[in-house]
């Protein structure tokens, strides 16, 4: 299975898991000039930008560790573009979550990073 197929599989699993937790998925694989966001959802009054990461082993670190400062900046830029593109107010409550798949464990990390 190629990397894109694996990524799609885990994004599907993440979306299903988030839905079971009460999230409403608004967009998948949002792309713009500023970057890409795996999932965009709403949950408890927040617009949530979600990065999905998978690791089959921890030889390169955990899945959540893969969302480093550089990746966070790209996600934040893409989120700002999303807000601007949709003419959403500056005071829209937003959050950045990570869904991390490490081996057999799935973790949803709310407020994983901030702007």
PDB file of N, CA and C in Angstrom:
ATOM      1  N   UNK A   1       0.854  -1.177   0.000  1.00  0.00           N
ATOM      2  CA  UNK A   1       0.000   0.000   0.000  1.00  0.00           C
ATOM      3  C   UNK A   1       0.903   1.244   0.000  1.00  0.00           C
ATOM      4  N   UNK A   2       0.627   2.215  -0.874  1.00  0.00           N
ATOM      5  CA  UNK A   2       1.464   3.415  -0.931  1.00  0.00           C
ATOM      6  C   UNK A   2       1.116   4.382   0.206  1.00  0.00           C
ATOM      7  N   UNK A   3       1.977   5.398   0.392  1.00  0.00           N
ATOM      8  CA  UNK A   3       1.811   6.338   1.503  1.00  0.00           C
ATOM      9  C   UNK A   3       0.471   7.055   1.462  1.00  0.00           C
ATOM     10  N   UNK A   4       0.027   7.444   0.265  1.00  0.00           N
ATOM     11  CA  UNK A   4      -1.246   8.165   0.155  1.00  0.00           C
ATOM     12  C   UNK A   4      -2.410   7.268   0.572  1.00  0.00           C
ATOM     13  N   UNK A   5      -2.374   6.010   0.145  1.00  0.00           N
ATOM     14  CA  UNK A   5      -3.441   5.073   0.520  1.00  0.00           C
ATOM     15  C   UNK A   5      -3.455   4.839   2.026  1.00  0.00           C
ATOM     16  N   UNK A   6      -2.272   4.707   2.622  1.00  0.00           N
ATOM     17  CA  UNK A   6      -2.182   4.530   4.080  1.00  0.00           C
ATOM     18  C   UNK A   6      -2.733   5.774   4.770  1.00  0.00           C
ATOM     19  N   UNK A   7      -2.342   6.951   4.287  1.00  0.00           N
ATOM     20  CA  UNK A   7      -2.833   8.195   4.865  1.00  0.00           C
ATOM     21  C   UNK A   7      -4.344   8.312   4.794  1.00  0.00           C
ATOM     22  N   UNK A   8      -4.895   7.962   3.644  1.00  0.00           N
ATOM     23  CA  UNK A   8      -6.356   8.009   3.469  1.00  0.00           C
ATOM     24  C   UNK A   8      -7.042   7.045   4.429  1.00  0.00           C
ATOM     25  N   UNK A   9      -6.470   5.867   4.584  1.00  0.00           N
ATOM     26  CA  UNK A   9      -7.055   4.865   5.499  1.00  0.00           C
ATOM     27  C   UNK A   9      -7.116   5.416   6.921  1.00  0.00           C
ATOM     28  N   UNK A  10      -6.016   6.010   7.380  1.00  0.00           N
ATOM     29  CA  UNK A  10      -5.997   6.536   8.750  1.00  0.00           C
ATOM     30  C   UNK A  10      -6.838   7.799   8.897  1.00  0.00           C
ATOM     31  N   UNK A  11      -6.960   8.594   7.862  1.00  0.00           N
ATOM     32  CA  UNK A  11      -7.873   9.743   7.916  1.00  0.00           C
ATOM     33  C   UNK A  11      -9.319   9.262   8.027  1.00  0.00           C
ATOM     34  N   UNK A  12      -9.656   8.181   7.313  1.00  0.00           N
ATOM     35  CA  UNK A  12     -10.998   7.593   7.427  1.00  0.00           C
ATOM     36  C   UNK A  12     -11.253   7.105   8.846  1.00  0.00           C
ATOM     37  N   UNK A  13     -10.269   6.397   9.420  1.00  0.00           N
ATOM     38  CA  UNK A  13     -10.398   5.901  10.795  1.00  0.00           C
ATOM     39  C   UNK A  13     -10.530   7.057  11.782  1.00  0.00           C
ATOM     40  N   UNK A  14      -9.731   8.098  11.575  1.00  0.00           N
ATOM     41  CA  UNK A  14      -9.788   9.266  12.458  1.00  0.00           C
ATOM     42  C   UNK A  14     -11.155   9.939  12.377  1.00  0.00           C
ATOM     43  N   UNK A  15     -11.664  10.122  11.164  1.00  0.00           N
ATOM     44  CA  UNK A  15     -12.979  10.763  10.992  1.00  0.00           C
ATOM     45  C   UNK A  15     -14.062   9.955  11.698  1.00  0.00           C
ATOM     46  N   UNK A  16     -14.053   8.655  11.526  1.00  0.00           N
ATOM     47  CA  UNK A  16     -15.058   7.800  12.175  1.00  0.00           C
ATOM     48  C   UNK A  16     -14.949   7.898  13.696  1.00  0.00           C
ATOM     49  N   UNK A  17     -13.726   7.881  14.199  1.00  0.00           N
ATOM     50  CA  UNK A  17     -13.515   7.983  15.653  1.00  0.00           C
ATOM     51  C   UNK A  17     -14.011   9.327  16.176  1.00  0.00           C
ATOM     52  N   UNK A  18     -13.678  10.404  15.470  1.00  0.00           N
ATOM     53  CA  UNK A  18     -14.105  11.733  15.899  1.00  0.00           C
ATOM     54  C   UNK A  18     -15.623  11.868  15.868  1.00  0.00           C
ATOM     55  N   UNK A  19     -16.252  11.328  14.847  1.00  0.00           N
ATOM     56  CA  UNK A  19     -17.722  11.354  14.768  1.00  0.00           C
ATOM     57  C   UNK A  19     -18.319  10.648  15.978  1.00  0.00           C
ATOM     58  N   UNK A  20     -17.720   9.524  16.364  1.00  0.00           N
ATOM     59  CA  UNK A  20     -18.226   8.773  17.533  1.00  0.00           C
ATOM     60  C   UNK A  20     -18.063   9.582  18.817  1.00  0.00           C
ATOM     61  N   UNK A  21     -17.155  10.552  18.824  1.00  0.00           N
ATOM     62  CA  UNK A  21     -16.941  11.414  19.990  1.00  0.00           C
ATOM     63  C   UNK A  21     -17.765  12.694  19.937  1.00  0.00           C
ATOM     64  N   UNK A  22     -18.557  12.860  18.874  1.00  0.00           N
ATOM     65  CA  UNK A  22     -19.435  14.019  18.770  1.00  0.00           C
ATOM     66  C   UNK A  22     -18.959  15.124  17.848  1.00  0.00           C
ATOM     67  N   UNK A  23     -17.850  14.934  17.165  1.00  0.00           N
ATOM     68  CA  UNK A  23     -17.384  15.917  16.189  1.00  0.00           C
ATOM     69  C   UNK A  23     -18.257  15.814  14.937  1.00  0.00           C
ATOM     70  N   UNK A  24     -18.397  16.942  14.226  1.00  0.00           N
ATOM     71  CA  UNK A  24     -19.070  16.937  12.932  1.00  0.00           C
ATOM     72  C   UNK A  24     -18.028  17.316  11.890  1.00  0.00           C
ATOM     73  N   UNK A  25     -17.727  16.402  10.988  1.00  0.00           N
ATOM     74  CA  UNK A  25     -16.703  16.634   9.975  1.00  0.00           C
ATOM     75  C   UNK A  25     -17.257  17.592   8.922  1.00  0.00           C
ATOM     76  N   UNK A  26     -16.525  18.685   8.673  1.00  0.00           N
ATOM     77  CA  UNK A  26     -16.935  19.695   7.703  1.00  0.00           C
ATOM     78  C   UNK A  26     -16.170  19.580   6.392  1.00  0.00           C
ATOM     79  N   UNK A  27     -14.907  19.167   6.486  1.00  0.00           N
ATOM     80  CA  UNK A  27     -14.070  19.101   5.296  1.00  0.00           C
ATOM     81  C   UNK A  27     -12.958  18.084   5.511  1.00  0.00           C
ATOM     82  N   UNK A  28     -12.558  17.452   4.398  1.00  0.00           N
ATOM     83  CA  UNK A  28     -11.444  16.503   4.433  1.00  0.00           C
ATOM     84  C   UNK A  28     -10.418  16.932   3.394  1.00  0.00           C
ATOM     85  N   UNK A  29      -9.156  16.818   3.755  1.00  0.00           N
ATOM     86  CA  UNK A  29      -8.055  17.147   2.851  1.00  0.00           C
ATOM     87  C   UNK A  29      -8.206  18.538   2.237  1.00  0.00           C
ATOM     88  N   UNK A  30      -8.452  19.508   3.093  1.00  0.00           N
ATOM     89  CA  UNK A  30      -8.542  20.894   2.631  1.00  0.00           C
ATOM     90  C   UNK A  30      -7.166  21.333   2.151  1.00  0.00           C
ATOM     91  N   UNK A  31      -7.116  21.866   0.934  1.00  0.00           N
ATOM     92  CA  UNK A  31      -5.857  22.343   0.357  1.00  0.00           C
ATOM     93  C   UNK A  31      -6.024  23.788  -0.101  1.00  0.00           C
ATOM     94  N   UNK A  32      -4.969  24.564   0.120  1.00  0.00           N
ATOM     95  CA  UNK A  32      -4.934  25.947  -0.338  1.00  0.00           C
ATOM     96  C   UNK A  32      -3.481  26.320  -0.584  1.00  0.00           C
ATOM     97  N   UNK A  33      -3.252  27.553  -0.989  1.00  0.00           N
ATOM     98  CA  UNK A  33      -1.882  28.015  -1.244  1.00  0.00           C
ATOM     99  C   UNK A  33      -1.000  27.892  -0.007  1.00  0.00           C
ATOM    100  N   UNK A  34      -1.599  27.993   1.166  1.00  0.00           N
ATOM    101  CA  UNK A  34      -0.837  27.997   2.417  1.00  0.00           C
ATOM    102  C   UNK A  34      -0.497  26.597   2.929  1.00  0.00           C
ATOM    103  N   UNK A  35      -1.170  25.576   2.426  1.00  0.00           N
ATOM    104  CA  UNK A  35      -0.897  24.225   2.910  1.00  0.00           C
ATOM    105  C   UNK A  35      -2.116  23.331   2.863  1.00  0.00           C
ATOM    106  N   UNK A  36      -2.097  22.311   3.713  1.00  0.00           N
ATOM    107  CA  UNK A  36      -3.171  21.324   3.745  1.00  0.00           C
ATOM    108  C   UNK A  36      -3.562  21.026   5.184  1.00  0.00           C
ATOM    109  N   UNK A  37      -4.841  20.741   5.367  1.00  0.00           N
ATOM    110  CA  UNK A  37      -5.354  20.311   6.667  1.00  0.00           C
ATOM    111  C   UNK A  37      -6.105  19.012   6.427  1.00  0.00           C
ATOM    112  N   UNK A  38      -5.782  17.997   7.223  1.00  0.00           N
ATOM    113  CA  UNK A  38      -6.372  16.671   7.012  1.00  0.00           C
ATOM    114  C   UNK A  38      -7.888  16.678   7.208  1.00  0.00           C
ATOM    115  N   UNK A  39      -8.336  17.180   8.351  1.00  0.00           N
ATOM    116  CA  UNK A  39      -9.768  17.214   8.659  1.00  0.00           C
ATOM    117  C   UNK A  39     -10.112  18.558   9.296  1.00  0.00           C
ATOM    118  N   UNK A  40     -11.295  19.046   8.980  1.00  0.00           N
ATOM    119  CA  UNK A  40     -11.829  20.231   9.636  1.00  0.00           C
ATOM    120  C   UNK A  40     -13.194  19.826  10.167  1.00  0.00           C
ATOM    121  N   UNK A  41     -13.430  20.149  11.439  1.00  0.00           N
ATOM    122  CA  UNK A  41     -14.671  19.703  12.079  1.00  0.00           C
ATOM    123  C   UNK A  41     -15.203  20.797  12.991  1.00  0.00           C
ATOM    124  N   UNK A  42     -16.406  20.578  13.472  1.00  0.00           N
ATOM    125  CA  UNK A  42     -16.935  21.426  14.537  1.00  0.00           C
ATOM    126  C   UNK A  42     -17.176  20.514  15.739  1.00  0.00           C
ATOM    127  N   UNK A  43     -16.922  21.086  16.904  1.00  0.00           N
ATOM    128  CA  UNK A  43     -17.124  20.321  18.135  1.00  0.00           C
ATOM    129  C   UNK A  43     -17.291  21.293  19.286  1.00  0.00           C
ATOM    130  N   UNK A  44     -18.429  21.199  19.947  1.00  0.00           N
ATOM    131  CA  UNK A  44     -18.729  22.018  21.130  1.00  0.00           C
ATOM    132  C   UNK A  44     -18.423  23.494  20.929  1.00  0.00           C
ATOM    133  N   UNK A  45     -18.874  24.056  19.802  1.00  0.00           N
ATOM    134  CA  UNK A  45     -18.727  25.477  19.539  1.00  0.00           C
ATOM    135  C   UNK A  45     -17.394  25.892  18.934  1.00  0.00           C
ATOM    136  N   UNK A  46     -16.508  24.947  18.715  1.00  0.00           N
ATOM    137  CA  UNK A  46     -15.200  25.230  18.117  1.00  0.00           C
ATOM    138  C   UNK A  46     -15.153  24.781  16.669  1.00  0.00           C
ATOM    139  N   UNK A  47     -14.410  25.519  15.877  1.00  0.00           N
ATOM    140  CA  UNK A  47     -14.000  25.074  14.559  1.00  0.00           C
ATOM    141  C   UNK A  47     -12.646  24.409  14.798  1.00  0.00           C
ATOM    142  N   UNK A  48     -12.554  23.121  14.474  1.00  0.00           N
ATOM    143  CA  UNK A  48     -11.374  22.341  14.847  1.00  0.00           C
ATOM    144  C   UNK A  48     -10.604  21.923  13.597  1.00  0.00           C
ATOM    145  N   UNK A  49      -9.331  22.277  13.572  1.00  0.00           N
ATOM    146  CA  UNK A  49      -8.426  21.886  12.495  1.00  0.00           C
ATOM    147  C   UNK A  49      -7.630  20.692  13.011  1.00  0.00           C
ATOM    148  N   UNK A  50      -7.670  19.590  12.272  1.00  0.00           N
ATOM    149  CA  UNK A  50      -7.157  18.325  12.789  1.00  0.00           C
ATOM    150  C   UNK A  50      -6.076  17.752  11.885  1.00  0.00           C
ATOM    151  N   UNK A  51      -4.957  17.421  12.496  1.00  0.00           N
ATOM    152  CA  UNK A  51      -3.869  16.727  11.812  1.00  0.00           C
ATOM    153  C   UNK A  51      -3.924  15.256  12.229  1.00  0.00           C
ATOM    154  N   UNK A  52      -3.840  14.366  11.245  1.00  0.00           N
ATOM    155  CA  UNK A  52      -3.857  12.927  11.505  1.00  0.00           C
ATOM    156  C   UNK A  52      -2.457  12.388  11.253  1.00  0.00           C
ATOM    157  N   UNK A  53      -1.917  11.669  12.242  1.00  0.00           N
ATOM    158  CA  UNK A  53      -0.585  11.085  12.111  1.00  0.00           C
ATOM    159  C   UNK A  53      -0.609   9.622  12.513  1.00  0.00           C
ATOM    160  N   UNK A  54       0.177   8.829  11.781  1.00  0.00           N
ATOM    161  CA  UNK A  54       0.260   7.385  12.010  1.00  0.00           C
ATOM    162  C   UNK A  54       1.723   6.969  12.103  1.00  0.00           C
ATOM    163  N   UNK A  55       2.014   6.090  13.030  1.00  0.00           N
ATOM    164  CA  UNK A  55       3.334   5.471  13.129  1.00  0.00           C
ATOM    165  C   UNK A  55       3.137   3.977  13.414  1.00  0.00           C
ATOM    166  N   UNK A  56       3.781   3.142  12.603  1.00  0.00           N
ATOM    167  CA  UNK A  56       3.682   1.694  12.829  1.00  0.00           C
ATOM    168  C   UNK A  56       4.653   1.251  13.920  1.00  0.00           C
ATOM    169  N   UNK A  57       5.717   2.039  14.118  1.00  0.00           N
ATOM    170  CA  UNK A  57       6.641   1.795  15.232  1.00  0.00           C
ATOM    171  C   UNK A  57       7.215   3.139  15.651  1.00  0.00           C
ATOM    172  N   UNK A  58       7.895   3.147  16.782  1.00  0.00           N
ATOM    173  CA  UNK A  58       8.379   4.415  17.320  1.00  0.00           C
ATOM    174  C   UNK A  58       9.857   4.665  17.022  1.00  0.00           C
ATOM    175  N   UNK A  59      10.403   4.013  16.012  1.00  0.00           N
ATOM    176  CA  UNK A  59      11.812   4.228  15.683  1.00  0.00           C
ATOM    177  C   UNK A  59      12.072   5.666  15.236  1.00  0.00           C
ATOM    178  N   UNK A  60      11.057   6.321  14.692  1.00  0.00           N
ATOM    179  CA  UNK A  60      11.170   7.732  14.288  1.00  0.00           C
ATOM    180  C   UNK A  60      10.382   8.640  15.221  1.00  0.00           C
ATOM    181  N   UNK A  61      10.090   8.170  16.427  1.00  0.00           N
ATOM    182  CA  UNK A  61       9.300   8.945  17.375  1.00  0.00           C
ATOM    183  C   UNK A  61       7.828   8.583  17.273  1.00  0.00           C
ATOM    184  N   UNK A  62       7.062   9.135  18.180  1.00  0.00           N
ATOM    185  CA  UNK A  62       5.623   8.850  18.195  1.00  0.00           C
ATOM    186  C   UNK A  62       4.908   9.666  17.128  1.00  0.00           C
ATOM    187  N   UNK A  63       3.676   9.296  16.855  1.00  0.00           N
ATOM    188  CA  UNK A  63       2.880  10.011  15.849  1.00  0.00           C
ATOM    189  C   UNK A  63       2.684  11.473  16.249  1.00  0.00           C
ATOM    190  N   UNK A  64       2.399  11.722  17.513  1.00  0.00           N
ATOM    191  CA  UNK A  64       2.164  13.107  17.944  1.00  0.00           C
ATOM    192  C   UNK A  64       3.434  13.945  17.853  1.00  0.00           C
ATOM    193  N   UNK A  65       4.598  13.338  18.027  1.00  0.00           N
ATOM    194  CA  UNK A  65       5.864  14.067  17.910  1.00  0.00           C
ATOM    195  C   UNK A  65       6.137  14.502  16.472  1.00  0.00           C
ATOM    196  N   UNK A  66       5.486  13.865  15.519  1.00  0.00           N
ATOM    197  CA  UNK A  66       5.683  14.211  14.109  1.00  0.00           C
ATOM    198  C   UNK A  66       5.061  15.558  13.753  1.00  0.00           C
ATOM    199  N   UNK A  67       4.218  16.080  14.629  1.00  0.00           N
ATOM    200  CA  UNK A  67       3.605  17.394  14.391  1.00  0.00           C
ATOM    201  C   UNK A  67       4.509  18.429  15.069  1.00  0.00           C
ATOM    202  N   UNK A  68       5.638  18.677  14.426  1.00  0.00           N
ATOM    203  CA  UNK A  68       6.640  19.587  14.973  1.00  0.00           C
ATOM    204  C   UNK A  68       6.260  21.047  14.710  1.00  0.00           C
ATOM    205  N   UNK A  69       7.104  21.959  15.165  1.00  0.00           N
ATOM    206  CA  UNK A  69       6.818  23.393  15.040  1.00  0.00           C
ATOM    207  C   UNK A  69       6.634  23.822  13.585  1.00  0.00           C
ATOM    208  N   UNK A  70       7.436  23.280  12.687  1.00  0.00           N
ATOM    209  CA  UNK A  70       7.316  23.615  11.270  1.00  0.00           C
ATOM    210  C   UNK A  70       5.960  23.176  10.717  1.00  0.00           C
ATOM    211  N   UNK A  71       5.531  21.962  11.052  1.00  0.00           N
ATOM    212  CA  UNK A  71       4.235  21.444  10.604  1.00  0.00           C
ATOM    213  C   UNK A  71       3.102  22.271  11.212  1.00  0.00           C
ATOM    214  N   UNK A  72       3.240  22.624  12.489  1.00  0.00           N
ATOM    215  CA  UNK A  72       2.220  23.436  13.153  1.00  0.00           C
ATOM    216  C   UNK A  72       2.039  24.775  12.441  1.00  0.00           C
ATOM    217  N   UNK A  73       3.135  25.423  12.066  1.00  0.00           N
ATOM    218  CA  UNK A  73       3.050  26.712  11.367  1.00  0.00           C
ATOM    219  C   UNK A  73       2.319  26.582  10.041  1.00  0.00           C
ATOM    220  N   UNK A  74       2.574  25.495   9.303  1.00  0.00           N
ATOM    221  CA  UNK A  74       1.881  25.277   8.024  1.00  0.00           C
ATOM    222  C   UNK A  74       0.385  25.080   8.250  1.00  0.00           C
ATOM    223  N   UNK A  75       0.034  24.328   9.274  1.00  0.00           N
ATOM    224  CA  UNK A  75      -1.385  24.091   9.575  1.00  0.00           C
ATOM    225  C   UNK A  75      -2.061  25.399   9.980  1.00  0.00           C
ATOM    226  N   UNK A  76      -1.396  26.181  10.800  1.00  0.00           N
ATOM    227  CA  UNK A  76      -1.961  27.467  11.232  1.00  0.00           C
ATOM    228  C   UNK A  76      -2.160  28.401  10.040  1.00  0.00           C
ATOM    229  N   UNK A  77      -1.187  28.462   9.138  1.00  0.00           N
ATOM    230  CA  UNK A  77      -1.338  29.299   7.933  1.00  0.00           C
ATOM    231  C   UNK A  77      -2.528  28.833   7.092  1.00  0.00           C
ATOM    232  N   UNK A  78      -2.664  27.531   6.910  1.00  0.00           N
ATOM    233  CA  UNK A  78      -3.785  27.000   6.131  1.00  0.00           C
ATOM    234  C   UNK A  78      -5.113  27.277   6.838  1.00  0.00           C
ATOM    235  N   UNK A  79      -5.129  27.195   8.157  1.00  0.00           N
ATOM    236  CA  UNK A  79      -6.349  27.484   8.918  1.00  0.00           C
ATOM    237  C   UNK A  79      -6.753  28.952   8.745  1.00  0.00           C
ATOM    238  N   UNK A  80      -5.782  29.841   8.785  1.00  0.00           N
ATOM    239  CA  UNK A  80      -6.080  31.264   8.573  1.00  0.00           C
ATOM    240  C   UNK A  80      -6.648  31.491   7.177  1.00  0.00           C
ATOM    241  N   UNK A  81      -6.087  30.790   6.203  1.00  0.00           N
ATOM    242  CA  UNK A  81      -6.580  30.895   4.825  1.00  0.00           C
ATOM    243  C   UNK A  81      -8.033  30.409   4.759  1.00  0.00           C
ATOM    244  N   UNK A  82      -8.330  29.284   5.424  1.00  0.00           N
ATOM    245  CA  UNK A  82      -9.684  28.730   5.456  1.00  0.00           C
ATOM    246  C   UNK A  82     -10.661  29.752   6.033  1.00  0.00           C
ATOM    247  N   UNK A  83     -10.284  30.376   7.153  1.00  0.00           N
ATOM    248  CA  UNK A  83     -11.146  31.378   7.786  1.00  0.00           C
ATOM    249  C   UNK A  83     -11.386  32.573   6.857  1.00  0.00           C
ATOM    250  N   UNK A  84     -10.311  33.033   6.205  1.00  0.00           N
ATOM    251  CA  UNK A  84     -10.416  34.172   5.307  1.00  0.00           C
ATOM    252  C   UNK A  84     -11.288  33.821   4.096  1.00  0.00           C
ATOM    253  N   UNK A  85     -11.042  32.662   3.512  1.00  0.00           N
ATOM    254  CA  UNK A  85     -11.754  32.223   2.315  1.00  0.00           C
ATOM    255  C   UNK A  85     -13.262  32.129   2.555  1.00  0.00           C
ATOM    256  N   UNK A  86     -13.631  31.774   3.763  1.00  0.00           N
ATOM    257  CA  UNK A  86     -15.043  31.599   4.107  1.00  0.00           C
ATOM    258  C   UNK A  86     -15.635  32.822   4.815  1.00  0.00           C
ATOM    259  N   UNK A  87     -14.848  33.890   4.891  1.00  0.00           N
ATOM    260  CA  UNK A  87     -15.287  35.153   5.508  1.00  0.00           C
ATOM    261  C   UNK A  87     -15.797  34.936   6.931  1.00  0.00           C
ATOM    262  N   UNK A  88     -15.099  34.083   7.676  1.00  0.00           N
ATOM    263  CA  UNK A  88     -15.472  33.847   9.068  1.00  0.00           C
ATOM    264  C   UNK A  88     -14.858  34.936   9.943  1.00  0.00           C
ATOM    265  N   UNK A  89     -15.555  35.329  10.997  1.00  0.00           N
ATOM    266  CA  UNK A  89     -15.059  36.424  11.839  1.00  0.00           C
ATOM    267  C   UNK A  89     -13.737  36.071  12.532  1.00  0.00           C
ATOM    268  N   UNK A  90     -12.965  37.109  12.834  1.00  0.00           N
ATOM    269  CA  UNK A  90     -11.673  36.919  13.503  1.00  0.00           C
ATOM    270  C   UNK A  90     -11.817  36.268  14.872  1.00  0.00           C
ATOM    271  N   UNK A  91     -12.975  36.457  15.497  1.00  0.00           N
ATOM    272  CA  UNK A  91     -13.164  35.893  16.833  1.00  0.00           C
ATOM    273  C   UNK A  91     -13.802  34.497  16.811  1.00  0.00           C
ATOM    274  N   UNK A  92     -13.792  33.836  15.653  1.00  0.00           N
ATOM    275  CA  UNK A  92     -14.296  32.460  15.565  1.00  0.00           C
ATOM    276  C   UNK A  92     -13.462  31.581  16.497  1.00  0.00           C
ATOM    277  N   UNK A  93     -14.111  30.864  17.425  1.00  0.00           N
ATOM    278  CA  UNK A  93     -13.331  29.996  18.315  1.00  0.00           C
ATOM    279  C   UNK A  93     -12.751  28.813  17.533  1.00  0.00           C
ATOM    280  N   UNK A  94     -11.428  28.714  17.511  1.00  0.00           N
ATOM    281  CA  UNK A  94     -10.761  27.633  16.790  1.00  0.00           C
ATOM    282  C   UNK A  94      -9.881  26.837  17.744  1.00  0.00           C
ATOM    283  N   UNK A  95      -9.598  25.621  17.320  1.00  0.00           N
ATOM    284  CA  UNK A  95      -8.746  24.726  18.102  1.00  0.00           C
ATOM    285  C   UNK A  95      -7.967  23.855  17.129  1.00  0.00           C
ATOM    286  N   UNK A  96      -6.797  23.431  17.543  1.00  0.00           N
ATOM    287  CA  UNK A  96      -5.968  22.545  16.729  1.00  0.00           C
ATOM    288  C   UNK A  96      -5.797  21.235  17.481  1.00  0.00           C
ATOM    289  N   UNK A  97      -6.334  20.165  16.910  1.00  0.00           N
ATOM    290  CA  UNK A  97      -6.243  18.839  17.516  1.00  0.00           C
ATOM    291  C   UNK A  97      -5.367  17.944  16.657  1.00  0.00           C
ATOM    292  N   UNK A  98      -4.848  16.908  17.267  1.00  0.00           N
ATOM    293  CA  UNK A  98      -4.090  15.880  16.560  1.00  0.00           C
ATOM    294  C   UNK A  98      -4.718  14.540  16.887  1.00  0.00           C
ATOM    295  N   UNK A  99      -4.932  13.724  15.863  1.00  0.00           N
ATOM    296  CA  UNK A  99      -5.325  12.335  16.081  1.00  0.00           C
ATOM    297  C   UNK A  99      -4.080  11.513  15.775  1.00  0.00           C
ATOM    298  N   UNK A 100      -3.572  10.850  16.812  1.00  0.00           N
ATOM    299  CA  UNK A 100      -2.320  10.103  16.696  1.00  0.00           C
ATOM    300  C   UNK A 100      -2.593   8.610  16.770  1.00  0.00           C
ATOM    301  N   UNK A 101      -2.112   7.900  15.768  1.00  0.00           N
ATOM    302  CA  UNK A 101      -2.193   6.439  15.727  1.00  0.00           C
ATOM    303  C   UNK A 101      -0.783   5.894  15.944  1.00  0.00           C
ATOM    304  N   UNK A 102      -0.536   5.311  17.103  1.00  0.00           N
ATOM    305  CA  UNK A 102       0.740   4.667  17.408  1.00  0.00           C
ATOM    306  C   UNK A 102       0.461   3.188  17.609  1.00  0.00           C
ATOM    307  N   UNK A 103       0.959   2.370  16.687  1.00  0.00           N
ATOM    308  CA  UNK A 103       0.707   0.927  16.706  1.00  0.00           C
ATOM    309  C   UNK A 103      -0.796   0.701  16.806  1.00  0.00           C
ATOM    310  N   UNK A 104      -1.272   0.184  17.919  1.00  0.00           N
ATOM    311  CA  UNK A 104      -2.700  -0.118  18.085  1.00  0.00           C
ATOM    312  C   UNK A 104      -3.447   0.942  18.886  1.00  0.00           C
ATOM    313  N   UNK A 105      -2.770   1.995  19.307  1.00  0.00           N
ATOM    314  CA  UNK A 105      -3.385   3.012  20.150  1.00  0.00           C
ATOM    315  C   UNK A 105      -3.825   4.219  19.317  1.00  0.00           C
ATOM    316  N   UNK A 106      -5.036   4.713  19.608  1.00  0.00           N
ATOM    317  CA  UNK A 106      -5.552   5.924  18.973  1.00  0.00           C
ATOM    318  C   UNK A 106      -5.756   6.961  20.063  1.00  0.00           C
ATOM    319  N   UNK A 107      -5.146   8.151  19.864  1.00  0.00           N
ATOM    320  CA  UNK A 107      -5.307   9.234  20.831  1.00  0.00           C
ATOM    321  C   UNK A 107      -5.764  10.489  20.123  1.00  0.00           C
ATOM    322  N   UNK A 108      -6.740  11.163  20.728  1.00  0.00           N
ATOM    323  CA  UNK A 108      -7.162  12.478  20.259  1.00  0.00           C
ATOM    324  C   UNK A 108      -6.562  13.485  21.235  1.00  0.00           C
ATOM    325  N   UNK A 109      -5.700  14.330  20.718  1.00  0.00           N
ATOM    326  CA  UNK A 109      -5.039  15.338  21.549  1.00  0.00           C
ATOM    327  C   UNK A 109      -5.693  16.681  21.227  1.00  0.00           C
ATOM    328  N   UNK A 110      -6.570  17.109  22.135  1.00  0.00           N
ATOM    329  CA  UNK A 110      -7.252  18.393  21.954  1.00  0.00           C
ATOM    330  C   UNK A 110      -6.296  19.516  22.327  1.00  0.00           C
ATOM    331  N   UNK A 111      -6.428  20.657  21.647  1.00  0.00           N
ATOM    332  CA  UNK A 111      -5.540  21.800  21.904  1.00  0.00           C
ATOM    333  C   UNK A 111      -4.078  21.377  21.849  1.00  0.00           C
ATOM    334  N   UNK A 112      -3.738  20.623  20.825  1.00  0.00           N
ATOM    335  CA  UNK A 112      -2.370  20.101  20.699  1.00  0.00           C
ATOM    336  C   UNK A 112      -1.348  21.222  20.529  1.00  0.00           C
ATOM    337  N   UNK A 113      -1.778  22.327  19.920  1.00  0.00           N
ATOM    338  CA  UNK A 113      -0.915  23.503  19.778  1.00  0.00           C
ATOM    339  C   UNK A 113      -1.802  24.710  19.570  1.00  0.00           C
ATOM    340  N   UNK A 114      -1.189  25.898  19.649  1.00  0.00           N
ATOM    341  CA  UNK A 114      -1.937  27.146  19.563  1.00  0.00           C
ATOM    342  C   UNK A 114      -1.307  28.073  18.544  1.00  0.00           C
ATOM    343  N   UNK A 115      -2.067  29.110  18.176  1.00  0.00           N
ATOM    344  CA  UNK A 115      -1.544  30.111  17.240  1.00  0.00           C
ATOM    345  C   UNK A 115      -0.644  31.079  17.954  1.00  0.00           C
TER     346      UNK A 115
END
